[in-house]
Amino acid sequence: MEQSDNRTQAILSWQRTATVDLRVEQDEQRRYLVLNGQRQSQMQLHQPASPSYPHLLQLLDWLADKPWQRLLQIGLGGGEFNRVLAARWPERQVVTVEQQPLIIEAYQQFFRPQPHPNESLICADAASFACDALVKPERFEVIFVDIYPWPENWQALMLALLQLRAEKGWFCINLPGEPPAQWQQFWQQQPVKLVCYKVPGYLNQLWLGG
């Protein structure tokens, strides 16, 4: 995450609730989603489908040769990943779960220049979505968890999401910092084997595997 600075030329939107302070800012080249003072995502105005953050570039390279058709993303942000997926693989289905309605509204209004026909946006708590999806034939070849802050009940959430992974599917996590306690022990007991990829210049880590 990045601290928002004062050099942006315009604030396009500013909304507040009891727990959320959300701004959409813009300068000459980029539009930014700022959540509770942290710059969470950005979009290049002239190349909106071009990824900006290194962890997404790494993830996209890792996914390039994977034969997936359905992807579940937990956490939307400014939708940078969604825009890239829509441009590169428009025929593939992307389901994104985001618990903050203001973030979904900001994405639809300011960060989605072109609607993606195979994109589904679901406003729900990730754990609730996972429990509901278990009773349906909902399975995904790729599951990408990209939430901030990292939840205290992460073990229960990971167990629920792992059950939505298709056989021989992949599990991806953008972890915002060092792993929490019991991280290694937890994943050693799971059917997926994750490998840590450092993100140059950032504290977050990518954990990828299948």
N, C-alpha and C. Protein backbone atom coordinates (compact mmCIF):
# COMPACT_ATOMS: atom_id res chain seq x y z
N MET A 1 0.83 -1.19 0.00
CA MET A 1 0.00 0.00 0.00
C MET A 1 0.88 1.25 0.00
N GLU A 2 0.35 2.33 -0.56
CA GLU A 2 1.11 3.57 -0.65
C GLU A 2 0.33 4.69 0.03
N GLN A 3 1.04 5.59 0.66
CA GLN A 3 0.41 6.77 1.22
C GLN A 3 0.00 7.71 0.10
N SER A 4 -1.21 8.25 0.20
CA SER A 4 -1.63 9.24 -0.78
C SER A 4 -0.87 10.54 -0.56
N ASP A 5 -0.48 11.20 -1.64
CA ASP A 5 0.22 12.47 -1.50
C ASP A 5 -0.72 13.61 -1.88
N ASN A 6 -0.19 14.82 -1.85
CA ASN A 6 -1.00 16.00 -2.12
C ASN A 6 -0.78 16.56 -3.52
N ARG A 7 -0.16 15.79 -4.39
CA ARG A 7 0.14 16.30 -5.72
C ARG A 7 -0.93 15.95 -6.74
N THR A 8 -1.92 15.18 -6.35
CA THR A 8 -2.98 14.87 -7.29
C THR A 8 -3.74 16.14 -7.63
N GLN A 9 -4.17 16.24 -8.87
CA GLN A 9 -4.78 17.48 -9.34
C GLN A 9 -6.26 17.58 -9.02
N ALA A 10 -6.91 16.44 -8.81
CA ALA A 10 -8.36 16.50 -8.62
C ALA A 10 -8.82 15.34 -7.75
N ILE A 11 -9.84 15.62 -6.95
CA ILE A 11 -10.57 14.58 -6.22
C ILE A 11 -11.90 14.40 -6.95
N LEU A 12 -12.07 13.25 -7.58
CA LEU A 12 -13.27 13.01 -8.38
C LEU A 12 -14.44 12.57 -7.52
N SER A 13 -14.14 11.93 -6.40
CA SER A 13 -15.20 11.44 -5.52
C SER A 13 -14.63 11.28 -4.12
N TRP A 14 -15.46 11.57 -3.12
CA TRP A 14 -15.04 11.41 -1.72
C TRP A 14 -16.27 11.00 -0.92
N GLN A 15 -16.23 9.77 -0.41
CA GLN A 15 -17.35 9.25 0.35
C GLN A 15 -16.86 8.69 1.68
N ARG A 16 -17.69 8.87 2.71
CA ARG A 16 -17.32 8.40 4.04
C ARG A 16 -18.49 7.68 4.69
N THR A 17 -18.12 6.63 5.42
CA THR A 17 -19.07 5.97 6.31
C THR A 17 -18.39 5.88 7.68
N ALA A 18 -19.00 5.15 8.60
CA ALA A 18 -18.41 5.02 9.93
C ALA A 18 -17.06 4.32 9.89
N THR A 19 -16.84 3.46 8.91
CA THR A 19 -15.61 2.68 8.85
C THR A 19 -14.79 2.88 7.58
N VAL A 20 -15.33 3.61 6.62
CA VAL A 20 -14.66 3.73 5.32
C VAL A 20 -14.52 5.19 4.92
N ASP A 21 -13.32 5.57 4.52
CA ASP A 21 -13.05 6.87 3.90
C ASP A 21 -12.48 6.57 2.51
N LEU A 22 -13.28 6.81 1.48
CA LEU A 22 -12.90 6.41 0.12
C LEU A 22 -12.85 7.62 -0.79
N ARG A 23 -11.69 7.81 -1.42
CA ARG A 23 -11.52 8.90 -2.37
C ARG A 23 -11.07 8.33 -3.72
N VAL A 24 -11.52 8.98 -4.77
CA VAL A 24 -11.00 8.72 -6.11
C VAL A 24 -10.27 9.97 -6.54
N GLU A 25 -8.95 9.86 -6.74
CA GLU A 25 -8.12 11.00 -7.09
C GLU A 25 -7.53 10.79 -8.49
N GLN A 26 -7.11 11.90 -9.09
CA GLN A 26 -6.58 11.80 -10.45
C GLN A 26 -5.53 12.87 -10.70
N ASP A 27 -4.46 12.48 -11.40
CA ASP A 27 -3.51 13.46 -11.91
C ASP A 27 -3.51 13.36 -13.43
N GLU A 28 -2.49 13.87 -14.08
CA GLU A 28 -2.50 13.90 -15.54
C GLU A 28 -2.41 12.52 -16.17
N GLN A 29 -1.85 11.56 -15.46
CA GLN A 29 -1.60 10.25 -16.06
C GLN A 29 -2.41 9.11 -15.45
N ARG A 30 -2.79 9.24 -14.17
CA ARG A 30 -3.40 8.10 -13.48
C ARG A 30 -4.59 8.51 -12.62
N ARG A 31 -5.43 7.53 -12.37
CA ARG A 31 -6.54 7.66 -11.44
C ARG A 31 -6.29 6.70 -10.28
N TYR A 32 -6.57 7.14 -9.06
CA TYR A 32 -6.22 6.37 -7.87
C TYR A 32 -7.43 6.10 -7.00
N LEU A 33 -7.45 4.91 -6.41
CA LEU A 33 -8.42 4.59 -5.37
C LEU A 33 -7.69 4.68 -4.04
N VAL A 34 -8.17 5.56 -3.16
CA VAL A 34 -7.54 5.79 -1.86
C VAL A 34 -8.54 5.37 -0.79
N LEU A 35 -8.18 4.36 -0.01
CA LEU A 35 -9.07 3.82 1.01
C LEU A 35 -8.44 4.03 2.38
N ASN A 36 -9.12 4.82 3.21
CA ASN A 36 -8.65 5.11 4.57
C ASN A 36 -7.20 5.61 4.57
N GLY A 37 -6.91 6.49 3.62
CA GLY A 37 -5.60 7.12 3.55
C GLY A 37 -4.54 6.32 2.82
N GLN A 38 -4.85 5.08 2.41
CA GLN A 38 -3.90 4.23 1.71
C GLN A 38 -4.28 4.13 0.24
N ARG A 39 -3.32 4.38 -0.62
CA ARG A 39 -3.56 4.24 -2.05
C ARG A 39 -3.58 2.75 -2.39
N GLN A 40 -4.74 2.24 -2.71
CA GLN A 40 -4.92 0.81 -2.91
C GLN A 40 -4.74 0.36 -4.35
N SER A 41 -5.05 1.25 -5.27
CA SER A 41 -5.02 0.83 -6.68
C SER A 41 -4.89 2.05 -7.56
N GLN A 42 -4.47 1.82 -8.79
CA GLN A 42 -4.37 2.91 -9.75
C GLN A 42 -4.67 2.41 -11.15
N MET A 43 -5.03 3.36 -12.00
CA MET A 43 -5.33 3.04 -13.39
C MET A 43 -4.67 4.07 -14.29
N GLN A 44 -3.91 3.60 -15.27
CA GLN A 44 -3.33 4.50 -16.25
C GLN A 44 -4.43 4.98 -17.19
N LEU A 45 -4.59 6.28 -17.30
CA LEU A 45 -5.72 6.83 -18.06
C LEU A 45 -5.66 6.46 -19.54
N HIS A 46 -4.47 6.42 -20.10
CA HIS A 46 -4.34 6.15 -21.54
C HIS A 46 -4.17 4.65 -21.84
N GLN A 47 -3.86 3.86 -20.82
CA GLN A 47 -3.74 2.41 -20.98
C GLN A 47 -4.38 1.73 -19.77
N PRO A 48 -5.69 1.79 -19.66
CA PRO A 48 -6.35 1.28 -18.45
C PRO A 48 -6.17 -0.21 -18.21
N ALA A 49 -5.86 -0.98 -19.24
CA ALA A 49 -5.68 -2.43 -19.08
C ALA A 49 -4.22 -2.81 -18.85
N SER A 50 -3.36 -1.82 -18.62
CA SER A 50 -1.95 -2.09 -18.38
C SER A 50 -1.70 -2.15 -16.88
N PRO A 51 -1.17 -3.26 -16.34
CA PRO A 51 -0.94 -3.36 -14.90
C PRO A 51 0.17 -2.45 -14.43
N SER A 52 0.00 -1.91 -13.22
CA SER A 52 0.98 -0.98 -12.67
C SER A 52 1.80 -1.59 -11.54
N TYR A 53 1.19 -2.44 -10.74
CA TYR A 53 1.86 -2.95 -9.54
C TYR A 53 2.65 -4.22 -9.83
N PRO A 54 3.86 -4.33 -9.27
CA PRO A 54 4.73 -5.48 -9.57
C PRO A 54 4.12 -6.83 -9.22
N HIS A 55 3.35 -6.90 -8.13
CA HIS A 55 2.81 -8.21 -7.75
C HIS A 55 1.82 -8.73 -8.79
N LEU A 56 1.09 -7.82 -9.43
CA LEU A 56 0.17 -8.25 -10.49
C LEU A 56 0.93 -8.70 -11.73
N LEU A 57 2.01 -8.01 -12.05
CA LEU A 57 2.84 -8.45 -13.18
C LEU A 57 3.38 -9.85 -12.94
N GLN A 58 3.85 -10.10 -11.71
CA GLN A 58 4.36 -11.43 -11.38
C GLN A 58 3.25 -12.48 -11.46
N LEU A 59 2.09 -12.15 -10.93
CA LEU A 59 0.98 -13.09 -10.95
C LEU A 59 0.53 -13.39 -12.37
N LEU A 60 0.44 -12.37 -13.20
CA LEU A 60 0.02 -12.57 -14.58
C LEU A 60 1.01 -13.44 -15.36
N ASP A 61 2.30 -13.22 -15.12
CA ASP A 61 3.31 -14.08 -15.75
C ASP A 61 3.14 -15.53 -15.31
N TRP A 62 2.85 -15.71 -14.03
CA TRP A 62 2.70 -17.06 -13.47
C TRP A 62 1.47 -17.75 -14.04
N LEU A 63 0.42 -16.98 -14.30
CA LEU A 63 -0.83 -17.54 -14.81
C LEU A 63 -0.82 -17.76 -16.32
N ALA A 64 0.16 -17.21 -17.00
CA ALA A 64 0.12 -17.15 -18.47
C ALA A 64 -0.05 -18.52 -19.12
N ASP A 65 0.54 -19.56 -18.56
CA ASP A 65 0.46 -20.88 -19.19
C ASP A 65 -0.52 -21.81 -18.47
N LYS A 66 -1.35 -21.25 -17.58
CA LYS A 66 -2.31 -22.08 -16.84
C LYS A 66 -3.63 -22.13 -17.61
N PRO A 67 -4.19 -23.32 -17.84
CA PRO A 67 -5.42 -23.44 -18.64
C PRO A 67 -6.69 -23.26 -17.82
N TRP A 68 -6.85 -22.09 -17.24
CA TRP A 68 -8.03 -21.85 -16.40
C TRP A 68 -9.18 -21.25 -17.21
N GLN A 69 -10.40 -21.48 -16.73
CA GLN A 69 -11.59 -20.90 -17.35
C GLN A 69 -12.40 -20.06 -16.37
N ARG A 70 -12.33 -20.37 -15.08
CA ARG A 70 -13.09 -19.62 -14.07
C ARG A 70 -12.13 -19.21 -12.95
N LEU A 71 -12.17 -17.92 -12.62
CA LEU A 71 -11.29 -17.38 -11.59
C LEU A 71 -12.12 -16.68 -10.53
N LEU A 72 -11.82 -16.96 -9.27
CA LEU A 72 -12.45 -16.29 -8.14
C LEU A 72 -11.45 -15.35 -7.50
N GLN A 73 -11.83 -14.08 -7.38
CA GLN A 73 -10.98 -13.08 -6.74
C GLN A 73 -11.68 -12.58 -5.48
N ILE A 74 -10.95 -12.60 -4.37
CA ILE A 74 -11.46 -12.08 -3.11
C ILE A 74 -10.80 -10.73 -2.87
N GLY A 75 -11.58 -9.65 -3.00
CA GLY A 75 -11.05 -8.30 -2.87
C GLY A 75 -10.95 -7.64 -4.24
N LEU A 76 -11.57 -6.48 -4.38
CA LEU A 76 -11.64 -5.81 -5.68
C LEU A 76 -10.67 -4.66 -5.82
N GLY A 77 -10.60 -3.79 -4.81
CA GLY A 77 -9.80 -2.58 -4.94
C GLY A 77 -10.29 -1.74 -6.11
N GLY A 78 -9.37 -1.20 -6.89
CA GLY A 78 -9.74 -0.43 -8.06
C GLY A 78 -9.91 -1.26 -9.32
N GLY A 79 -9.88 -2.58 -9.17
CA GLY A 79 -10.15 -3.45 -10.32
C GLY A 79 -9.04 -3.56 -11.33
N GLU A 80 -7.81 -3.29 -10.93
CA GLU A 80 -6.70 -3.37 -11.89
C GLU A 80 -6.57 -4.77 -12.48
N PHE A 81 -6.68 -5.79 -11.62
CA PHE A 81 -6.59 -7.17 -12.09
C PHE A 81 -7.74 -7.50 -13.04
N ASN A 82 -8.93 -7.01 -12.73
CA ASN A 82 -10.10 -7.27 -13.57
C ASN A 82 -9.92 -6.70 -14.98
N ARG A 83 -9.39 -5.49 -15.06
CA ARG A 83 -9.22 -4.87 -16.38
C ARG A 83 -8.22 -5.65 -17.23
N VAL A 84 -7.14 -6.10 -16.60
CA VAL A 84 -6.14 -6.86 -17.35
C VAL A 84 -6.72 -8.19 -17.82
N LEU A 85 -7.44 -8.88 -16.93
CA LEU A 85 -8.04 -10.16 -17.31
C LEU A 85 -9.02 -10.00 -18.46
N ALA A 86 -9.83 -8.93 -18.41
CA ALA A 86 -10.81 -8.70 -19.47
C ALA A 86 -10.13 -8.46 -20.81
N ALA A 87 -8.97 -7.79 -20.79
CA ALA A 87 -8.26 -7.49 -22.03
C ALA A 87 -7.53 -8.72 -22.57
N ARG A 88 -6.94 -9.51 -21.68
CA ARG A 88 -6.13 -10.65 -22.13
C ARG A 88 -6.95 -11.90 -22.40
N TRP A 89 -7.94 -12.14 -21.55
CA TRP A 89 -8.73 -13.37 -21.67
C TRP A 89 -10.22 -13.03 -21.59
N PRO A 90 -10.76 -12.33 -22.56
CA PRO A 90 -12.15 -11.87 -22.48
C PRO A 90 -13.17 -13.00 -22.44
N GLU A 91 -12.79 -14.18 -22.89
CA GLU A 91 -13.74 -15.30 -22.92
C GLU A 91 -13.82 -16.04 -21.59
N ARG A 92 -12.94 -15.73 -20.65
CA ARG A 92 -12.89 -16.46 -19.38
C ARG A 92 -13.71 -15.73 -18.31
N GLN A 93 -14.23 -16.49 -17.38
CA GLN A 93 -15.14 -15.95 -16.37
C GLN A 93 -14.37 -15.53 -15.12
N VAL A 94 -14.69 -14.33 -14.63
CA VAL A 94 -14.07 -13.78 -13.43
C VAL A 94 -15.17 -13.42 -12.44
N VAL A 95 -15.10 -13.99 -11.25
CA VAL A 95 -16.05 -13.68 -10.17
C VAL A 95 -15.27 -12.97 -9.07
N THR A 96 -15.68 -11.76 -8.73
CA THR A 96 -15.00 -10.97 -7.70
C THR A 96 -15.94 -10.73 -6.53
N VAL A 97 -15.44 -11.02 -5.34
CA VAL A 97 -16.20 -10.82 -4.10
C VAL A 97 -15.58 -9.66 -3.34
N GLU A 98 -16.39 -8.65 -3.03
CA GLU A 98 -15.94 -7.46 -2.31
C GLU A 98 -17.01 -7.09 -1.28
N GLN A 99 -16.59 -6.90 -0.03
CA GLN A 99 -17.58 -6.66 1.02
C GLN A 99 -17.99 -5.20 1.16
N GLN A 100 -17.24 -4.27 0.57
CA GLN A 100 -17.57 -2.86 0.70
C GLN A 100 -18.33 -2.38 -0.54
N PRO A 101 -19.60 -2.02 -0.40
CA PRO A 101 -20.36 -1.56 -1.57
C PRO A 101 -19.79 -0.28 -2.18
N LEU A 102 -19.17 0.58 -1.37
CA LEU A 102 -18.59 1.81 -1.91
C LEU A 102 -17.45 1.51 -2.88
N ILE A 103 -16.70 0.45 -2.61
CA ILE A 103 -15.60 0.08 -3.51
C ILE A 103 -16.15 -0.42 -4.84
N ILE A 104 -17.19 -1.22 -4.79
CA ILE A 104 -17.80 -1.71 -6.03
C ILE A 104 -18.35 -0.55 -6.84
N GLU A 105 -19.02 0.39 -6.18
CA GLU A 105 -19.57 1.55 -6.88
C GLU A 105 -18.46 2.39 -7.51
N ALA A 106 -17.36 2.60 -6.77
CA ALA A 106 -16.25 3.38 -7.31
C ALA A 106 -15.63 2.69 -8.52
N TYR A 107 -15.48 1.39 -8.44
CA TYR A 107 -14.93 0.63 -9.58
C TYR A 107 -15.82 0.77 -10.80
N GLN A 108 -17.11 0.59 -10.63
CA GLN A 108 -18.02 0.65 -11.77
C GLN A 108 -18.08 2.04 -12.38
N GLN A 109 -17.96 3.07 -11.55
CA GLN A 109 -18.09 4.44 -12.06
C GLN A 109 -16.78 5.00 -12.59
N PHE A 110 -15.66 4.68 -11.94
CA PHE A 110 -14.41 5.37 -12.26
C PHE A 110 -13.29 4.47 -12.80
N PHE A 111 -13.38 3.16 -12.60
CA PHE A 111 -12.24 2.30 -12.94
C PHE A 111 -12.58 1.18 -13.92
N ARG A 112 -13.74 1.25 -14.53
CA ARG A 112 -14.10 0.23 -15.52
C ARG A 112 -14.53 0.92 -16.80
N PRO A 113 -13.57 1.32 -17.65
CA PRO A 113 -13.91 2.03 -18.88
C PRO A 113 -14.85 1.25 -19.79
N GLN A 114 -14.67 -0.08 -19.81
CA GLN A 114 -15.52 -0.93 -20.64
C GLN A 114 -16.01 -2.11 -19.80
N PRO A 115 -17.32 -2.36 -19.79
CA PRO A 115 -17.84 -3.51 -19.04
C PRO A 115 -17.28 -4.82 -19.57
N HIS A 116 -17.04 -5.75 -18.66
CA HIS A 116 -16.54 -7.07 -19.02
C HIS A 116 -17.72 -8.04 -18.97
N PRO A 117 -18.15 -8.58 -20.11
CA PRO A 117 -19.36 -9.41 -20.13
C PRO A 117 -19.26 -10.67 -19.28
N ASN A 118 -18.03 -11.15 -19.03
CA ASN A 118 -17.86 -12.37 -18.25
C ASN A 118 -17.41 -12.09 -16.82
N GLU A 119 -17.67 -10.87 -16.35
CA GLU A 119 -17.31 -10.48 -14.99
C GLU A 119 -18.55 -10.46 -14.11
N SER A 120 -18.43 -11.06 -12.92
CA SER A 120 -19.50 -11.01 -11.92
C SER A 120 -18.97 -10.35 -10.67
N LEU A 121 -19.68 -9.35 -10.16
CA LEU A 121 -19.31 -8.66 -8.93
C LEU A 121 -20.31 -9.02 -7.85
N ILE A 122 -19.81 -9.50 -6.73
CA ILE A 122 -20.66 -9.93 -5.63
C ILE A 122 -20.28 -9.15 -4.38
N CYS A 123 -21.25 -8.43 -3.82
CA CYS A 123 -21.02 -7.68 -2.59
C CYS A 123 -21.35 -8.58 -1.41
N ALA A 124 -20.31 -9.10 -0.77
CA ALA A 124 -20.52 -10.04 0.33
C ALA A 124 -19.23 -10.19 1.12
N ASP A 125 -19.37 -10.62 2.35
CA ASP A 125 -18.23 -11.04 3.14
C ASP A 125 -17.66 -12.32 2.53
N ALA A 126 -16.34 -12.41 2.46
CA ALA A 126 -15.72 -13.55 1.78
C ALA A 126 -16.10 -14.88 2.42
N ALA A 127 -16.13 -14.93 3.74
CA ALA A 127 -16.47 -16.19 4.42
C ALA A 127 -17.91 -16.58 4.14
N SER A 128 -18.81 -15.61 4.15
CA SER A 128 -20.22 -15.91 3.86
C SER A 128 -20.39 -16.40 2.43
N PHE A 129 -19.69 -15.75 1.50
CA PHE A 129 -19.76 -16.19 0.11
C PHE A 129 -19.27 -17.63 -0.03
N ALA A 130 -18.15 -17.94 0.61
CA ALA A 130 -17.59 -19.28 0.50
C ALA A 130 -18.54 -20.33 1.05
N CYS A 131 -19.17 -20.04 2.18
CA CYS A 131 -20.12 -20.99 2.76
C CYS A 131 -21.31 -21.21 1.84
N ASP A 132 -21.82 -20.12 1.26
CA ASP A 132 -22.96 -20.25 0.34
C ASP A 132 -22.57 -21.00 -0.92
N ALA A 133 -21.36 -20.75 -1.41
CA ALA A 133 -20.93 -21.37 -2.67
C ALA A 133 -20.70 -22.87 -2.52
N LEU A 134 -20.41 -23.32 -1.30
CA LEU A 134 -20.13 -24.74 -1.09
C LEU A 134 -21.33 -25.62 -1.41
N VAL A 135 -22.53 -25.08 -1.23
CA VAL A 135 -23.73 -25.89 -1.48
C VAL A 135 -24.12 -25.87 -2.96
N LYS A 136 -23.38 -25.14 -3.76
CA LYS A 136 -23.62 -25.08 -5.20
C LYS A 136 -22.45 -25.75 -5.92
N PRO A 137 -22.61 -26.06 -7.19
CA PRO A 137 -21.47 -26.61 -7.95
C PRO A 137 -20.51 -25.50 -8.37
N GLU A 138 -20.09 -24.68 -7.42
CA GLU A 138 -19.21 -23.55 -7.71
C GLU A 138 -17.76 -23.98 -7.47
N ARG A 139 -17.01 -24.16 -8.54
CA ARG A 139 -15.60 -24.48 -8.40
C ARG A 139 -14.81 -23.63 -9.38
N PHE A 140 -13.60 -23.27 -8.98
CA PHE A 140 -12.78 -22.34 -9.76
C PHE A 140 -11.39 -22.92 -9.96
N GLU A 141 -10.87 -22.78 -11.18
CA GLU A 141 -9.51 -23.25 -11.45
C GLU A 141 -8.46 -22.36 -10.79
N VAL A 142 -8.78 -21.08 -10.61
CA VAL A 142 -7.86 -20.15 -9.94
C VAL A 142 -8.63 -19.41 -8.85
N ILE A 143 -8.04 -19.35 -7.66
CA ILE A 143 -8.57 -18.52 -6.58
C ILE A 143 -7.47 -17.56 -6.17
N PHE A 144 -7.79 -16.26 -6.20
CA PHE A 144 -6.82 -15.21 -5.87
C PHE A 144 -7.36 -14.41 -4.69
N VAL A 145 -6.64 -14.45 -3.58
CA VAL A 145 -7.04 -13.73 -2.37
C VAL A 145 -6.19 -12.47 -2.26
N ASP A 146 -6.85 -11.32 -2.30
CA ASP A 146 -6.15 -10.03 -2.31
C ASP A 146 -6.91 -9.06 -1.42
N ILE A 147 -6.80 -9.25 -0.10
CA ILE A 147 -7.57 -8.45 0.84
C ILE A 147 -6.65 -7.74 1.83
N TYR A 148 -7.06 -6.53 2.20
CA TYR A 148 -6.31 -5.71 3.15
C TYR A 148 -7.30 -4.96 4.04
N PRO A 149 -7.10 -4.99 5.35
CA PRO A 149 -6.05 -5.71 6.08
C PRO A 149 -6.31 -7.21 6.10
N TRP A 150 -5.26 -7.97 6.38
CA TRP A 150 -5.39 -9.42 6.43
C TRP A 150 -6.27 -9.81 7.61
N PRO A 151 -7.26 -10.70 7.40
CA PRO A 151 -8.22 -11.00 8.46
C PRO A 151 -7.63 -11.83 9.59
N GLU A 152 -8.12 -11.59 10.80
CA GLU A 152 -7.66 -12.37 11.94
C GLU A 152 -8.09 -13.83 11.84
N ASN A 153 -9.24 -14.06 11.24
CA ASN A 153 -9.76 -15.43 11.10
C ASN A 153 -9.34 -16.06 9.77
N TRP A 154 -8.11 -15.78 9.35
CA TRP A 154 -7.67 -16.17 8.02
C TRP A 154 -7.67 -17.69 7.82
N GLN A 155 -7.41 -18.46 8.88
CA GLN A 155 -7.34 -19.91 8.71
C GLN A 155 -8.70 -20.48 8.30
N ALA A 156 -9.76 -20.04 8.97
CA ALA A 156 -11.10 -20.52 8.62
C ALA A 156 -11.47 -20.09 7.21
N LEU A 157 -11.09 -18.86 6.84
CA LEU A 157 -11.39 -18.37 5.49
C LEU A 157 -10.65 -19.18 4.43
N MET A 158 -9.37 -19.45 4.66
CA MET A 158 -8.60 -20.23 3.69
C MET A 158 -9.18 -21.64 3.52
N LEU A 159 -9.58 -22.26 4.63
CA LEU A 159 -10.15 -23.60 4.55
C LEU A 159 -11.43 -23.60 3.71
N ALA A 160 -12.25 -22.57 3.90
CA ALA A 160 -13.50 -22.48 3.13
C ALA A 160 -13.20 -22.25 1.65
N LEU A 161 -12.26 -21.38 1.35
CA LEU A 161 -11.93 -21.09 -0.05
C LEU A 161 -11.28 -22.28 -0.74
N LEU A 162 -10.47 -23.02 -0.01
CA LEU A 162 -9.81 -24.18 -0.61
C LEU A 162 -10.83 -25.20 -1.11
N GLN A 163 -11.98 -25.26 -0.47
CA GLN A 163 -13.01 -26.20 -0.90
C GLN A 163 -13.66 -25.77 -2.21
N LEU A 164 -13.46 -24.51 -2.61
CA LEU A 164 -14.00 -24.03 -3.88
C LEU A 164 -13.02 -24.20 -5.04
N ARG A 165 -11.83 -24.67 -4.73
CA ARG A 165 -10.81 -24.86 -5.77
C ARG A 165 -11.13 -26.12 -6.58
N ALA A 166 -11.10 -25.98 -7.89
CA ALA A 166 -11.31 -27.13 -8.76
C ALA A 166 -10.15 -28.12 -8.61
N GLU A 167 -10.42 -29.36 -8.93
CA GLU A 167 -9.35 -30.36 -8.89
C GLU A 167 -8.23 -29.93 -9.83
N LYS A 168 -7.02 -29.99 -9.33
CA LYS A 168 -5.82 -29.56 -10.06
C LYS A 168 -5.84 -28.05 -10.34
N GLY A 169 -6.57 -27.29 -9.52
CA GLY A 169 -6.59 -25.84 -9.67
C GLY A 169 -5.46 -25.19 -8.90
N TRP A 170 -5.45 -23.84 -8.91
CA TRP A 170 -4.36 -23.08 -8.32
C TRP A 170 -4.90 -22.10 -7.28
N PHE A 171 -4.04 -21.81 -6.30
CA PHE A 171 -4.41 -20.92 -5.20
C PHE A 171 -3.34 -19.83 -5.11
N CYS A 172 -3.79 -18.58 -5.06
CA CYS A 172 -2.87 -17.44 -5.11
C CYS A 172 -3.24 -16.46 -4.00
N ILE A 173 -2.23 -15.94 -3.30
CA ILE A 173 -2.46 -15.00 -2.21
C ILE A 173 -1.50 -13.83 -2.35
N ASN A 174 -2.04 -12.61 -2.28
CA ASN A 174 -1.21 -11.42 -2.13
C ASN A 174 -1.24 -11.06 -0.65
N LEU A 175 -0.19 -11.43 0.06
CA LEU A 175 -0.14 -11.24 1.51
C LEU A 175 0.47 -9.88 1.82
N PRO A 176 -0.24 -9.01 2.55
CA PRO A 176 0.25 -7.64 2.79
C PRO A 176 1.25 -7.56 3.93
N GLY A 177 2.40 -8.20 3.78
CA GLY A 177 3.42 -8.16 4.83
C GLY A 177 3.91 -9.55 5.17
N GLU A 178 4.58 -9.64 6.32
CA GLU A 178 5.10 -10.93 6.76
C GLU A 178 3.96 -11.88 7.13
N PRO A 179 4.16 -13.18 6.94
CA PRO A 179 3.11 -14.15 7.27
C PRO A 179 2.75 -14.10 8.75
N PRO A 180 1.47 -14.31 9.08
CA PRO A 180 1.06 -14.36 10.48
C PRO A 180 1.54 -15.65 11.15
N ALA A 181 1.36 -15.71 12.46
CA ALA A 181 1.74 -16.91 13.21
C ALA A 181 0.99 -18.13 12.67
N GLN A 182 1.65 -19.26 12.70
CA GLN A 182 1.09 -20.55 12.27
C GLN A 182 0.91 -20.67 10.75
N TRP A 183 1.46 -19.72 10.00
CA TRP A 183 1.29 -19.74 8.54
C TRP A 183 1.88 -21.00 7.91
N GLN A 184 3.16 -21.24 8.19
CA GLN A 184 3.83 -22.40 7.58
C GLN A 184 3.18 -23.71 8.01
N GLN A 185 2.86 -23.81 9.30
CA GLN A 185 2.25 -25.05 9.80
C GLN A 185 0.90 -25.29 9.13
N PHE A 186 0.13 -24.21 8.95
CA PHE A 186 -1.19 -24.35 8.33
C PHE A 186 -1.07 -24.89 6.91
N TRP A 187 -0.22 -24.29 6.10
CA TRP A 187 -0.15 -24.66 4.69
C TRP A 187 0.52 -26.01 4.48
N GLN A 188 1.34 -26.44 5.41
CA GLN A 188 1.93 -27.78 5.30
C GLN A 188 0.87 -28.87 5.40
N GLN A 189 -0.27 -28.54 5.98
CA GLN A 189 -1.34 -29.52 6.17
C GLN A 189 -2.40 -29.46 5.07
N GLN A 190 -2.22 -28.58 4.08
CA GLN A 190 -3.23 -28.38 3.04
C GLN A 190 -2.85 -29.09 1.74
N PRO A 191 -3.83 -29.34 0.88
CA PRO A 191 -3.55 -30.06 -0.37
C PRO A 191 -2.80 -29.23 -1.41
N VAL A 192 -2.70 -27.92 -1.21
CA VAL A 192 -1.92 -27.10 -2.13
C VAL A 192 -0.57 -26.77 -1.49
N LYS A 193 0.44 -26.67 -2.30
CA LYS A 193 1.78 -26.33 -1.83
C LYS A 193 2.15 -24.96 -2.39
N LEU A 194 2.21 -23.98 -1.51
CA LEU A 194 2.45 -22.61 -1.93
C LEU A 194 3.93 -22.27 -1.86
N VAL A 195 4.37 -21.47 -2.82
CA VAL A 195 5.73 -20.96 -2.86
C VAL A 195 5.68 -19.45 -2.72
N CYS A 196 6.59 -18.89 -1.92
CA CYS A 196 6.62 -17.44 -1.68
C CYS A 196 7.46 -16.75 -2.75
N TYR A 197 6.89 -15.69 -3.33
CA TYR A 197 7.59 -14.84 -4.29
C TYR A 197 7.65 -13.43 -3.71
N LYS A 198 8.84 -12.94 -3.48
CA LYS A 198 9.01 -11.58 -2.98
C LYS A 198 8.63 -10.57 -4.07
N VAL A 199 8.08 -9.43 -3.64
CA VAL A 199 7.70 -8.38 -4.57
C VAL A 199 8.72 -7.25 -4.43
N PRO A 200 9.56 -7.02 -5.44
CA PRO A 200 10.62 -6.01 -5.33
C PRO A 200 10.08 -4.63 -4.97
N GLY A 201 10.65 -4.03 -3.93
CA GLY A 201 10.28 -2.68 -3.53
C GLY A 201 9.04 -2.59 -2.67
N TYR A 202 8.43 -3.71 -2.33
CA TYR A 202 7.19 -3.71 -1.55
C TYR A 202 7.30 -4.72 -0.41
N LEU A 203 6.47 -4.52 0.62
CA LEU A 203 6.46 -5.42 1.76
C LEU A 203 5.60 -6.65 1.52
N ASN A 204 4.65 -6.55 0.60
CA ASN A 204 3.75 -7.68 0.39
C ASN A 204 4.48 -8.84 -0.29
N GLN A 205 3.90 -10.04 -0.13
CA GLN A 205 4.46 -11.26 -0.68
C GLN A 205 3.39 -11.99 -1.48
N LEU A 206 3.81 -12.61 -2.57
CA LEU A 206 2.92 -13.46 -3.35
C LEU A 206 3.17 -14.91 -2.95
N TRP A 207 2.10 -15.61 -2.61
CA TRP A 207 2.17 -17.03 -2.32
C TRP A 207 1.33 -17.75 -3.37
N LEU A 208 1.99 -18.57 -4.18
CA LEU A 208 1.34 -19.17 -5.34
C LEU A 208 1.59 -20.67 -5.36
N GLY A 209 0.58 -21.43 -5.76
CA GLY A 209 0.77 -22.86 -5.86
C GLY A 209 -0.48 -23.58 -6.29
N GLY A 210 -0.38 -24.90 -6.37
CA GLY A 210 -1.50 -25.72 -6.77
C GLY A 210 -1.33 -27.15 -6.31
